[in-house]
Protein backbone atom coordinates (compact mmCIF):
# COMPACT_ATOMS: atom_id res chain seq x y z
CA MET A 1 -31.12 19.87 14.82
CA PRO A 2 -32.81 17.16 16.87
CA TRP A 3 -30.90 14.78 19.13
CA PHE A 4 -32.34 11.32 19.70
CA LYS A 5 -31.79 8.98 22.64
CA VAL A 6 -30.39 5.69 21.36
CA GLU A 7 -33.03 3.74 23.26
CA ASP A 8 -35.83 5.72 21.55
CA ALA A 9 -34.71 5.70 17.90
CA ALA A 10 -31.93 4.51 15.64
CA PRO A 11 -30.58 5.87 12.37
CA ALA A 12 -30.60 3.78 9.22
CA ASP A 13 -27.96 1.05 9.33
CA GLY A 14 -24.66 2.54 8.16
CA GLU A 15 -25.91 6.16 7.95
CA ARG A 16 -23.30 8.75 8.98
CA VAL A 17 -24.58 10.72 12.00
CA LEU A 18 -23.28 12.73 14.93
CA ILE A 19 -22.95 10.61 18.04
CA HIS A 20 -22.56 11.63 21.67
CA ASP A 21 -20.28 9.32 23.62
CA GLY A 22 -21.45 9.62 27.21
CA ARG A 23 -18.35 7.90 28.59
CA GLU A 24 -15.87 10.33 27.05
CA ASN A 25 -18.35 13.24 26.79
CA ARG A 26 -17.48 13.86 23.14
CA VAL A 27 -19.36 14.38 19.89
CA GLU A 28 -18.05 12.73 16.73
CA VAL A 29 -19.16 11.53 13.33
CA GLY A 30 -20.05 7.89 13.48
CA ARG A 31 -22.46 5.24 12.32
CA ARG A 32 -24.48 2.36 13.70
CA VAL A 33 -23.87 -0.93 11.94
CA GLY A 34 -25.46 -4.19 13.02
CA GLY A 35 -26.61 -2.68 16.32
CA ARG A 36 -23.12 -1.47 17.28
CA TRP A 37 -21.75 2.09 17.19
CA PHE A 38 -18.55 3.10 15.40
CA VAL A 39 -16.58 6.34 15.03
CA GLU A 40 -14.94 7.14 11.73
CA ASN A 41 -11.25 8.03 11.48
CA THR A 42 -11.18 11.10 9.23
CA ALA A 43 -7.63 10.37 8.05
CA ASP A 44 -8.18 6.89 6.66
CA GLY A 45 -11.92 6.18 6.95
CA ARG A 46 -11.49 3.22 9.30
CA LEU A 47 -14.24 2.50 11.77
CA THR A 48 -13.53 1.90 15.46
CA GLU A 49 -16.20 0.52 17.75
CA VAL A 50 -17.23 2.83 20.56
CA GLU A 51 -19.33 2.08 23.63
CA GLY A 52 -21.35 4.45 25.74
CA VAL A 53 -23.22 6.25 22.94
CA THR A 54 -26.25 7.91 24.51
CA HIS A 55 -27.57 10.18 21.74
CA TRP A 56 -27.32 10.67 17.99
CA ALA A 57 -28.30 13.40 15.52
CA PRO A 58 -28.52 13.49 11.73
CA LEU A 59 -25.81 15.37 9.86
CA LEU A 60 -27.18 18.53 8.32
CA ASP A 61 -26.03 17.44 4.87
CA SER A 62 -27.57 13.99 5.29
CA GLU A 63 -30.01 12.88 2.60
CA GLU A 64 -31.94 11.16 5.38
CA TYR A 65 -32.53 14.42 7.32
CA ASP A 66 -35.50 16.61 6.45
CA PRO A 67 -35.90 19.66 8.73
CA ALA A 68 -39.63 19.63 7.94
CA ASP A 69 -39.86 16.48 10.03
CA ASP A 70 -38.78 18.33 13.21
């Protein structure tokens, strides 16, 4: 699975992806909406803005991800 630097590429607006938060050194499911990054609360689906995202990767079950593109 490829990881992309946020300054090199961005996922489709609103697409669920894995994000690496460089400040907290954690990996979570999130999305980029309107140029800002959000993590998704798995309990209630709410989005919380997060800063410090350095990398993102497509989810393996994502319709947007095609391993042939790697």
